[in-house]
N, C-alpha and C. Protein backbone atom coordinates (compact mmCIF):
# COMPACT_ATOMS: atom_id res chain seq x y z
N MET A 1 44.80 77.86 109.72
CA MET A 1 44.70 79.27 110.06
C MET A 1 43.32 79.52 110.67
N ARG A 2 43.31 80.13 111.84
CA ARG A 2 42.04 80.43 112.51
C ARG A 2 41.41 81.66 111.88
N ASP A 3 40.11 81.83 112.08
CA ASP A 3 39.39 82.96 111.49
C ASP A 3 39.96 84.30 111.94
N ARG A 4 40.38 84.40 113.20
CA ARG A 4 40.88 85.68 113.67
C ARG A 4 42.23 86.03 113.06
N ASP A 5 42.96 85.03 112.51
CA ASP A 5 44.25 85.27 111.89
C ASP A 5 44.15 85.61 110.41
N ARG A 6 42.97 85.38 109.84
CA ARG A 6 42.80 85.66 108.42
C ARG A 6 42.58 87.16 108.20
N PRO A 7 43.20 87.71 107.12
CA PRO A 7 42.94 89.12 106.82
C PRO A 7 41.50 89.31 106.37
N SER A 8 40.91 90.39 106.74
CA SER A 8 39.56 90.70 106.29
C SER A 8 39.59 92.08 105.66
N PRO A 9 38.54 92.44 104.93
CA PRO A 9 38.53 93.77 104.31
C PRO A 9 38.67 94.89 105.34
N SER A 10 38.17 94.66 106.55
CA SER A 10 38.27 95.71 107.57
C SER A 10 39.58 95.64 108.34
N ARG A 11 40.29 94.52 108.26
CA ARG A 11 41.55 94.37 108.98
C ARG A 11 42.63 93.95 107.99
N PRO A 12 43.61 94.82 107.74
CA PRO A 12 44.67 94.46 106.79
C PRO A 12 45.54 93.34 107.36
N PRO A 13 46.25 92.63 106.48
CA PRO A 13 47.12 91.56 106.96
C PRO A 13 48.23 92.14 107.82
N PRO A 14 48.73 91.34 108.76
CA PRO A 14 49.83 91.84 109.59
C PRO A 14 51.03 92.17 108.73
N ARG A 15 51.75 93.24 109.11
CA ARG A 15 52.91 93.68 108.33
C ARG A 15 54.18 93.21 109.03
N PRO A 16 55.16 92.82 108.25
CA PRO A 16 56.43 92.45 108.87
C PRO A 16 57.02 93.66 109.60
N GLU A 17 57.78 93.41 110.65
CA GLU A 17 58.37 94.48 111.47
C GLU A 17 59.26 95.39 110.63
N SER A 18 60.00 94.83 109.65
CA SER A 18 60.91 95.65 108.86
C SER A 18 60.16 96.69 108.03
N VAL A 19 59.01 96.31 107.49
CA VAL A 19 58.23 97.25 106.70
C VAL A 19 57.73 98.37 107.61
N THR A 20 57.26 98.01 108.79
CA THR A 20 56.74 99.01 109.72
C THR A 20 57.85 99.97 110.15
N SER A 21 59.04 99.46 110.47
CA SER A 21 60.11 100.35 110.91
C SER A 21 60.59 101.25 109.77
N TRP A 22 60.67 100.72 108.56
CA TRP A 22 61.07 101.55 107.42
C TRP A 22 60.02 102.62 107.16
N THR A 23 58.75 102.24 107.24
CA THR A 23 57.68 103.22 107.06
C THR A 23 57.76 104.30 108.13
N GLY A 24 58.09 103.91 109.34
CA GLY A 24 58.26 104.88 110.42
C GLY A 24 59.41 105.83 110.14
N LYS A 25 60.51 105.28 109.62
CA LYS A 25 61.65 106.14 109.27
C LYS A 25 61.26 107.14 108.19
N ILE A 26 60.52 106.67 107.19
CA ILE A 26 60.08 107.55 106.10
C ILE A 26 59.18 108.64 106.66
N ALA A 27 58.27 108.27 107.55
CA ALA A 27 57.37 109.26 108.15
C ALA A 27 58.18 110.30 108.94
N GLY A 28 59.19 109.84 109.66
CA GLY A 28 60.06 110.76 110.39
C GLY A 28 60.83 111.68 109.45
N LEU A 29 61.36 111.11 108.37
CA LEU A 29 62.07 111.93 107.38
C LEU A 29 61.13 112.97 106.77
N PHE A 30 59.90 112.55 106.49
CA PHE A 30 58.93 113.46 105.89
C PHE A 30 58.68 114.63 106.83
N ALA A 31 58.46 114.32 108.10
CA ALA A 31 58.18 115.38 109.08
C ALA A 31 59.37 116.31 109.24
N THR A 32 60.57 115.76 109.20
CA THR A 32 61.77 116.54 109.46
C THR A 32 62.27 117.30 108.23
N HIS A 33 62.24 116.67 107.07
CA HIS A 33 62.95 117.21 105.90
C HIS A 33 62.07 117.66 104.74
N ARG A 34 60.75 117.53 104.83
CA ARG A 34 59.90 117.82 103.68
C ARG A 34 60.14 119.23 103.13
N ALA A 35 60.11 120.23 103.99
CA ALA A 35 60.26 121.62 103.52
C ALA A 35 61.64 121.84 102.89
N HIS A 36 62.68 121.27 103.48
CA HIS A 36 64.03 121.44 102.94
C HIS A 36 64.15 120.74 101.58
N VAL A 37 63.58 119.54 101.46
CA VAL A 37 63.61 118.82 100.18
C VAL A 37 62.90 119.64 99.11
N GLU A 38 61.75 120.23 99.47
CA GLU A 38 61.03 121.06 98.50
C GLU A 38 61.86 122.26 98.07
N ARG A 39 62.56 122.91 99.04
CA ARG A 39 63.40 124.06 98.69
C ARG A 39 64.53 123.64 97.75
N VAL A 40 65.17 122.53 98.06
CA VAL A 40 66.29 122.05 97.23
C VAL A 40 65.79 121.76 95.82
N ILE A 41 64.65 121.08 95.71
CA ILE A 41 64.09 120.75 94.40
C ILE A 41 63.68 122.03 93.67
N SER A 42 63.07 122.96 94.38
CA SER A 42 62.64 124.22 93.76
C SER A 42 63.83 124.98 93.20
N ARG A 43 64.93 125.03 93.97
CA ARG A 43 66.14 125.71 93.48
C ARG A 43 66.73 124.99 92.28
N ARG A 44 66.73 123.67 92.34
CA ARG A 44 67.34 122.88 91.27
C ARG A 44 66.55 123.00 89.96
N THR A 45 65.21 122.98 90.08
CA THR A 45 64.37 122.99 88.88
C THR A 45 63.94 124.38 88.45
N GLY A 46 63.94 125.33 89.39
CA GLY A 46 63.41 126.65 89.07
C GLY A 46 61.89 126.63 88.93
N ASP A 47 61.26 125.58 89.45
CA ASP A 47 59.82 125.40 89.32
C ASP A 47 59.21 125.15 90.70
N PRO A 48 58.92 126.22 91.46
CA PRO A 48 58.40 126.04 92.82
C PRO A 48 57.05 125.31 92.85
N GLN A 49 56.24 125.46 91.80
CA GLN A 49 54.95 124.78 91.79
C GLN A 49 55.10 123.26 91.74
N ALA A 50 56.11 122.78 91.04
CA ALA A 50 56.31 121.33 90.91
C ALA A 50 57.09 120.76 92.09
N ALA A 51 57.72 121.59 92.88
CA ALA A 51 58.60 121.11 93.95
C ALA A 51 57.87 120.21 94.95
N GLY A 52 56.66 120.56 95.32
CA GLY A 52 55.90 119.74 96.28
C GLY A 52 55.63 118.35 95.74
N ASP A 53 55.18 118.28 94.49
CA ASP A 53 54.90 116.98 93.88
C ASP A 53 56.17 116.15 93.72
N LEU A 54 57.25 116.81 93.30
CA LEU A 54 58.51 116.09 93.11
C LEU A 54 59.07 115.61 94.45
N ALA A 55 58.92 116.41 95.49
CA ALA A 55 59.37 115.98 96.83
C ALA A 55 58.57 114.78 97.28
N GLN A 56 57.28 114.80 97.04
CA GLN A 56 56.44 113.67 97.43
C GLN A 56 56.88 112.42 96.66
N ASP A 57 57.22 112.57 95.38
CA ASP A 57 57.72 111.44 94.60
C ASP A 57 58.99 110.86 95.23
N ALA A 58 59.86 111.74 95.73
CA ALA A 58 61.10 111.26 96.36
C ALA A 58 60.78 110.42 97.59
N PHE A 59 59.85 110.89 98.41
CA PHE A 59 59.48 110.12 99.60
C PHE A 59 58.82 108.80 99.21
N LEU A 60 57.99 108.82 98.17
CA LEU A 60 57.34 107.58 97.73
C LEU A 60 58.36 106.57 97.20
N ARG A 61 59.36 107.05 96.47
CA ARG A 61 60.39 106.13 95.98
C ARG A 61 61.13 105.48 97.14
N LEU A 62 61.42 106.26 98.17
CA LEU A 62 62.07 105.69 99.35
C LEU A 62 61.16 104.67 100.01
N ALA A 63 59.88 105.00 100.15
CA ALA A 63 58.94 104.11 100.83
C ALA A 63 58.79 102.79 100.10
N ARG A 64 58.97 102.79 98.79
CA ARG A 64 58.81 101.57 98.00
C ARG A 64 60.06 100.70 97.94
N MET A 65 61.13 101.17 98.56
CA MET A 65 62.38 100.39 98.52
C MET A 65 62.19 99.08 99.28
N PRO A 66 62.56 97.96 98.67
CA PRO A 66 62.36 96.67 99.33
C PRO A 66 63.27 96.46 100.55
N ASP A 67 64.49 96.96 100.52
CA ASP A 67 65.44 96.74 101.61
C ASP A 67 65.72 98.04 102.35
N GLY A 68 64.69 98.77 102.67
CA GLY A 68 64.87 100.08 103.30
C GLY A 68 65.61 100.05 104.61
N ASP A 69 65.40 99.01 105.42
CA ASP A 69 66.08 98.95 106.71
C ASP A 69 67.58 98.79 106.58
N ALA A 70 68.06 98.38 105.42
CA ALA A 70 69.50 98.22 105.22
C ALA A 70 70.19 99.56 104.92
N VAL A 71 69.41 100.60 104.68
CA VAL A 71 69.97 101.91 104.35
C VAL A 71 70.60 102.51 105.60
N GLU A 72 71.88 102.86 105.51
CA GLU A 72 72.60 103.41 106.66
C GLU A 72 72.27 104.88 106.89
N ASN A 73 72.07 105.64 105.82
CA ASN A 73 71.82 107.08 105.94
C ASN A 73 70.57 107.43 105.14
N PRO A 74 69.38 107.22 105.71
CA PRO A 74 68.15 107.49 104.97
C PRO A 74 68.02 108.94 104.50
N ALA A 75 68.46 109.90 105.32
CA ALA A 75 68.35 111.31 104.92
C ALA A 75 69.24 111.59 103.71
N GLY A 76 70.44 111.05 103.72
CA GLY A 76 71.34 111.23 102.57
C GLY A 76 70.75 110.63 101.31
N LEU A 77 70.17 109.43 101.46
CA LEU A 77 69.54 108.78 100.32
C LEU A 77 68.35 109.61 99.83
N LEU A 78 67.59 110.16 100.77
CA LEU A 78 66.44 110.99 100.40
C LEU A 78 66.87 112.15 99.52
N PHE A 79 67.94 112.86 99.92
CA PHE A 79 68.38 114.02 99.14
C PHE A 79 68.98 113.60 97.81
N THR A 80 69.61 112.44 97.76
CA THR A 80 70.13 111.93 96.48
C THR A 80 68.97 111.62 95.54
N VAL A 81 67.95 110.93 96.06
CA VAL A 81 66.77 110.61 95.25
C VAL A 81 66.08 111.89 94.80
N ALA A 82 65.92 112.85 95.71
CA ALA A 82 65.27 114.12 95.36
C ALA A 82 66.05 114.85 94.27
N ASP A 83 67.37 114.84 94.38
CA ASP A 83 68.21 115.51 93.38
C ASP A 83 68.04 114.85 92.02
N ARG A 84 67.99 113.53 92.00
CA ARG A 84 67.83 112.83 90.71
C ARG A 84 66.45 113.06 90.12
N ILE A 85 65.44 113.11 90.97
CA ILE A 85 64.08 113.40 90.48
C ILE A 85 64.04 114.82 89.90
N ALA A 86 64.67 115.76 90.58
CA ALA A 86 64.72 117.14 90.08
C ALA A 86 65.45 117.20 88.74
N LEU A 87 66.55 116.48 88.64
CA LEU A 87 67.32 116.45 87.39
C LEU A 87 66.48 115.84 86.27
N ASP A 88 65.77 114.75 86.55
CA ASP A 88 64.89 114.14 85.55
C ASP A 88 63.81 115.12 85.11
N HIS A 89 63.27 115.87 86.07
CA HIS A 89 62.24 116.86 85.75
C HIS A 89 62.80 117.94 84.81
N CYS A 90 64.01 118.41 85.11
CA CYS A 90 64.66 119.42 84.27
C CYS A 90 64.89 118.90 82.86
N ARG A 91 65.36 117.67 82.78
CA ARG A 91 65.61 117.07 81.46
C ARG A 91 64.31 116.93 80.67
N ALA A 92 63.25 116.47 81.34
CA ALA A 92 61.97 116.31 80.66
C ALA A 92 61.43 117.67 80.21
N ALA A 93 61.57 118.68 81.05
CA ALA A 93 61.10 120.03 80.68
C ALA A 93 61.90 120.56 79.50
N ARG A 94 63.20 120.30 79.49
CA ARG A 94 64.04 120.76 78.38
C ARG A 94 63.65 120.06 77.08
N ARG A 95 63.43 118.75 77.16
CA ARG A 95 63.00 118.02 75.96
C ARG A 95 61.68 118.57 75.45
N GLN A 96 60.76 118.87 76.37
CA GLN A 96 59.46 119.40 75.97
C GLN A 96 59.62 120.77 75.31
N ARG A 97 60.48 121.62 75.87
CA ARG A 97 60.71 122.94 75.26
C ARG A 97 61.29 122.79 73.86
N LEU A 98 62.22 121.84 73.68
CA LEU A 98 62.80 121.63 72.36
C LEU A 98 61.76 121.12 71.38
N ARG A 99 60.88 120.23 71.84
CA ARG A 99 59.81 119.74 70.96
C ARG A 99 58.87 120.88 70.59
N ASP A 100 58.53 121.70 71.58
CA ASP A 100 57.61 122.82 71.34
C ASP A 100 58.21 123.87 70.41
N ALA A 101 59.53 124.01 70.45
CA ALA A 101 60.20 125.03 69.63
C ALA A 101 60.19 124.65 68.15
N GLY A 102 60.09 123.39 67.86
CA GLY A 102 60.10 122.96 66.47
C GLY A 102 61.51 122.93 65.91
N PRO A 103 61.63 122.69 64.62
CA PRO A 103 62.97 122.62 64.01
C PRO A 103 63.65 123.98 64.02
N LEU A 104 64.95 123.96 64.22
CA LEU A 104 65.72 125.20 64.22
C LEU A 104 66.16 125.54 62.81
N ASP A 105 66.15 126.81 62.52
CA ASP A 105 66.64 127.28 61.23
C ASP A 105 68.10 127.65 61.41
N ASP A 106 68.98 126.97 60.68
CA ASP A 106 70.42 127.18 60.83
C ASP A 106 70.86 128.57 60.39
N ASP A 107 70.04 129.27 59.62
CA ASP A 107 70.42 130.59 59.14
C ASP A 107 70.20 131.68 60.19
N LEU A 108 69.41 131.39 61.21
CA LEU A 108 69.13 132.39 62.23
C LEU A 108 70.25 132.41 63.26
N PRO A 109 70.61 133.60 63.71
CA PRO A 109 71.63 133.66 64.77
C PRO A 109 71.07 133.09 66.07
N ALA A 110 71.93 132.47 66.82
CA ALA A 110 71.50 131.90 68.09
C ALA A 110 71.12 133.03 69.04
N PRO A 111 69.96 132.91 69.68
CA PRO A 111 69.59 133.96 70.62
C PRO A 111 70.51 133.93 71.83
N GLY A 112 70.81 135.07 72.34
CA GLY A 112 71.70 135.14 73.49
C GLY A 112 71.62 136.52 74.09
N PRO A 113 72.21 136.67 75.22
CA PRO A 113 72.18 137.99 75.86
C PRO A 113 73.02 138.99 75.07
N THR A 114 72.58 140.21 75.11
CA THR A 114 73.33 141.27 74.45
C THR A 114 74.58 141.58 75.26
N ALA A 115 75.51 142.26 74.64
CA ALA A 115 76.75 142.63 75.34
C ALA A 115 76.42 143.51 76.55
N GLU A 116 75.43 144.37 76.40
CA GLU A 116 75.03 145.24 77.51
C GLU A 116 74.46 144.41 78.67
N ALA A 117 73.64 143.41 78.34
CA ALA A 117 73.06 142.57 79.39
C ALA A 117 74.15 141.77 80.11
N VAL A 118 75.12 141.28 79.36
CA VAL A 118 76.23 140.54 79.96
C VAL A 118 77.03 141.45 80.88
N ALA A 119 77.32 142.66 80.42
CA ALA A 119 78.09 143.60 81.24
C ALA A 119 77.32 143.96 82.51
N GLU A 120 76.02 144.17 82.39
CA GLU A 120 75.20 144.50 83.56
C GLU A 120 75.17 143.34 84.55
N ARG A 121 75.04 142.13 84.02
CA ARG A 121 75.03 140.94 84.89
C ARG A 121 76.37 140.79 85.60
N ASN A 122 77.46 140.98 84.87
CA ASN A 122 78.79 140.87 85.48
C ASN A 122 78.98 141.92 86.58
N GLU A 123 78.49 143.13 86.32
CA GLU A 123 78.60 144.19 87.32
C GLU A 123 77.78 143.85 88.56
N THR A 124 76.58 143.34 88.35
CA THR A 124 75.72 142.96 89.48
C THR A 124 76.37 141.84 90.29
N MET A 125 76.94 140.85 89.61
CA MET A 125 77.60 139.74 90.31
C MET A 125 78.82 140.24 91.09
N ALA A 126 79.56 141.18 90.52
CA ALA A 126 80.73 141.73 91.22
C ALA A 126 80.28 142.49 92.47
N ARG A 127 79.19 143.24 92.36
CA ARG A 127 78.67 143.96 93.52
C ARG A 127 78.18 142.99 94.58
N LEU A 128 77.53 141.91 94.15
CA LEU A 128 77.06 140.91 95.11
C LEU A 128 78.24 140.23 95.81
N ARG A 129 79.28 139.90 95.03
CA ARG A 129 80.49 139.31 95.64
C ARG A 129 81.08 140.27 96.67
N GLY A 130 81.11 141.56 96.32
CA GLY A 130 81.61 142.56 97.25
C GLY A 130 80.77 142.63 98.52
N ALA A 131 79.45 142.52 98.35
CA ALA A 131 78.56 142.55 99.52
C ALA A 131 78.82 141.34 100.41
N ILE A 132 78.97 140.17 99.81
CA ILE A 132 79.22 138.95 100.58
C ILE A 132 80.59 139.02 101.24
N ASP A 133 81.59 139.52 100.52
CA ASP A 133 82.94 139.64 101.10
C ASP A 133 82.95 140.62 102.27
N GLY A 134 82.03 141.57 102.29
CA GLY A 134 81.97 142.55 103.37
C GLY A 134 81.31 142.04 104.64
N LEU A 135 80.75 140.83 104.59
CA LEU A 135 80.11 140.26 105.78
C LEU A 135 81.17 139.77 106.76
N SER A 136 80.81 139.69 108.02
CA SER A 136 81.73 139.12 109.01
C SER A 136 81.94 137.64 108.66
N PRO A 137 83.05 137.05 109.08
CA PRO A 137 83.32 135.65 108.71
C PRO A 137 82.20 134.69 109.10
N LYS A 138 81.65 134.81 110.30
CA LYS A 138 80.59 133.89 110.75
C LYS A 138 79.32 134.12 109.93
N THR A 139 78.96 135.39 109.71
CA THR A 139 77.76 135.70 108.93
C THR A 139 77.92 135.23 107.50
N ARG A 140 79.11 135.41 106.93
CA ARG A 140 79.38 134.94 105.56
C ARG A 140 79.25 133.42 105.49
N ALA A 141 79.80 132.72 106.47
CA ALA A 141 79.73 131.25 106.48
C ALA A 141 78.27 130.79 106.54
N VAL A 142 77.48 131.39 107.42
CA VAL A 142 76.06 131.02 107.53
C VAL A 142 75.34 131.30 106.21
N PHE A 143 75.59 132.47 105.64
CA PHE A 143 74.95 132.87 104.38
C PHE A 143 75.26 131.88 103.26
N LEU A 144 76.53 131.52 103.12
CA LEU A 144 76.94 130.61 102.04
C LEU A 144 76.43 129.19 102.27
N LEU A 145 76.45 128.73 103.51
CA LEU A 145 75.94 127.38 103.79
C LEU A 145 74.45 127.30 103.46
N TYR A 146 73.73 128.37 103.74
CA TYR A 146 72.29 128.37 103.47
C TYR A 146 71.99 128.56 101.98
N HIS A 147 72.58 129.58 101.38
CA HIS A 147 72.21 129.92 100.00
C HIS A 147 72.99 129.14 98.94
N ALA A 148 74.24 128.82 99.19
CA ALA A 148 75.03 128.11 98.18
C ALA A 148 74.90 126.59 98.33
N GLU A 149 74.88 126.11 99.58
CA GLU A 149 74.83 124.66 99.79
C GLU A 149 73.44 124.15 100.09
N GLY A 150 72.50 125.06 100.37
CA GLY A 150 71.12 124.65 100.60
C GLY A 150 70.87 123.93 101.92
N LEU A 151 71.72 124.17 102.91
CA LEU A 151 71.54 123.51 104.20
C LEU A 151 70.41 124.16 105.00
N ALA A 152 69.78 123.38 105.86
CA ALA A 152 68.74 123.88 106.75
C ALA A 152 69.39 124.56 107.96
N TYR A 153 68.60 125.37 108.66
CA TYR A 153 69.12 126.06 109.85
C TYR A 153 69.77 125.08 110.81
N ARG A 154 69.08 123.97 111.08
CA ARG A 154 69.57 122.98 112.03
C ARG A 154 70.91 122.42 111.59
N GLU A 155 71.05 122.13 110.30
CA GLU A 155 72.30 121.58 109.78
C GLU A 155 73.44 122.60 109.89
N ILE A 156 73.13 123.85 109.61
CA ILE A 156 74.14 124.91 109.73
C ILE A 156 74.56 125.05 111.19
N ALA A 157 73.56 125.04 112.07
CA ALA A 157 73.84 125.18 113.51
C ALA A 157 74.76 124.06 113.98
N GLU A 158 74.49 122.83 113.57
CA GLU A 158 75.33 121.69 113.96
C GLU A 158 76.74 121.85 113.41
N ARG A 159 76.83 122.24 112.16
CA ARG A 159 78.14 122.35 111.53
C ARG A 159 79.00 123.45 112.17
N LEU A 160 78.37 124.57 112.53
CA LEU A 160 79.13 125.70 113.06
C LEU A 160 79.14 125.76 114.59
N GLY A 161 78.40 124.86 115.23
CA GLY A 161 78.38 124.84 116.69
C GLY A 161 77.65 126.03 117.29
N ILE A 162 76.57 126.46 116.63
CA ILE A 162 75.76 127.57 117.13
C ILE A 162 74.31 127.12 117.17
N SER A 163 73.44 127.93 117.75
CA SER A 163 72.02 127.56 117.83
C SER A 163 71.31 127.93 116.52
N PRO A 164 70.19 127.27 116.23
CA PRO A 164 69.40 127.64 115.05
C PRO A 164 68.94 129.10 115.09
N ARG A 165 68.67 129.64 116.29
CA ARG A 165 68.28 131.05 116.40
C ARG A 165 69.43 131.96 115.99
N THR A 166 70.65 131.56 116.31
CA THR A 166 71.82 132.34 115.91
C THR A 166 71.99 132.28 114.39
N VAL A 167 71.71 131.12 113.81
CA VAL A 167 71.74 130.98 112.35
C VAL A 167 70.75 131.97 111.74
N GLU A 168 69.54 132.00 112.28
CA GLU A 168 68.51 132.91 111.78
C GLU A 168 68.98 134.37 111.90
N TYR A 169 69.59 134.71 113.02
CA TYR A 169 70.10 136.07 113.23
C TYR A 169 71.14 136.42 112.16
N HIS A 170 72.11 135.53 111.94
CA HIS A 170 73.17 135.80 110.96
C HIS A 170 72.59 135.92 109.54
N LEU A 171 71.60 135.10 109.21
CA LEU A 171 70.99 135.20 107.88
C LEU A 171 70.27 136.54 107.72
N ARG A 172 69.56 136.97 108.76
CA ARG A 172 68.89 138.28 108.69
C ARG A 172 69.91 139.39 108.50
N GLN A 173 71.00 139.32 109.25
CA GLN A 173 72.06 140.33 109.14
C GLN A 173 72.65 140.33 107.72
N ALA A 174 72.93 139.14 107.21
CA ALA A 174 73.54 139.03 105.88
C ALA A 174 72.62 139.61 104.81
N LEU A 175 71.34 139.25 104.87
CA LEU A 175 70.40 139.76 103.86
C LEU A 175 70.26 141.28 103.95
N GLU A 176 70.19 141.78 105.17
CA GLU A 176 70.07 143.23 105.34
C GLU A 176 71.30 143.95 104.80
N GLN A 177 72.49 143.45 105.12
CA GLN A 177 73.72 144.08 104.65
C GLN A 177 73.86 143.97 103.13
N CYS A 178 73.53 142.81 102.58
CA CYS A 178 73.62 142.64 101.12
C CYS A 178 72.61 143.55 100.42
N ARG A 179 71.40 143.63 100.96
CA ARG A 179 70.39 144.49 100.36
C ARG A 179 70.85 145.95 100.36
N THR A 180 71.39 146.40 101.48
CA THR A 180 71.89 147.77 101.58
C THR A 180 73.03 148.00 100.59
N HIS A 181 73.95 147.05 100.51
CA HIS A 181 75.09 147.17 99.60
C HIS A 181 74.62 147.22 98.14
N MET A 182 73.64 146.40 97.79
CA MET A 182 73.19 146.32 96.40
C MET A 182 72.38 147.56 96.00
N LYS A 183 71.76 148.24 96.97
CA LYS A 183 70.98 149.45 96.65
C LYS A 183 71.87 150.63 96.32
N ARG A 184 73.09 150.61 96.82
CA ARG A 184 74.02 151.70 96.52
C ARG A 184 74.33 151.71 95.03
N ARG A 185 74.40 152.87 94.47
CA ARG A 185 74.76 152.99 93.06
C ARG A 185 76.24 152.71 92.90
N PRO A 186 76.62 151.95 91.88
CA PRO A 186 78.05 151.70 91.67
C PRO A 186 78.76 152.98 91.25
N VAL A 187 79.98 153.10 91.67
CA VAL A 187 80.80 154.26 91.30
C VAL A 187 81.45 153.94 89.97
N ARG A 188 81.15 154.74 88.97
CA ARG A 188 81.72 154.51 87.63
C ARG A 188 82.75 155.58 87.35
N PRO A 189 83.87 155.22 86.72
CA PRO A 189 84.91 156.21 86.39
C PRO A 189 84.46 157.18 85.33
């Protein structure tokens, strides 16, 4: 081995092409999907502060995969890994809450929502369903794909054959109409 071929502290050893291409794919995924992964994790965990760190963990797990170039759908794998990391986070948080709560006293009634709170929640959900049902079919589809399935504007646009700007327009319309509908007082008999 000649001196110029030896790794030095200032020059890292040459990397195999597969590692470089997988790293490039991860960098591309990060640039394209980071914000969406964070939103999905935030919704799943209910912890927006942890979403950034958990999303970064998902990208790091992908980057450490030994056979990354063999992955046919890196974006799909990314969201699967992110979902599992979010689920692990939820489980760990739940275990911690149970440890912090201490032993349960069997004589105490289980805490739960009052009948009034349940009725109010059911009424609110019915009004929200009514608001969503009142949207035009295209606006309703965009709204549900974004809020229920967690798709990005670009993904919704591809699925529905419309532009991302049109997706944004329909989401604005949906939110405005739902907000107006929810502000109305319910009619009680």
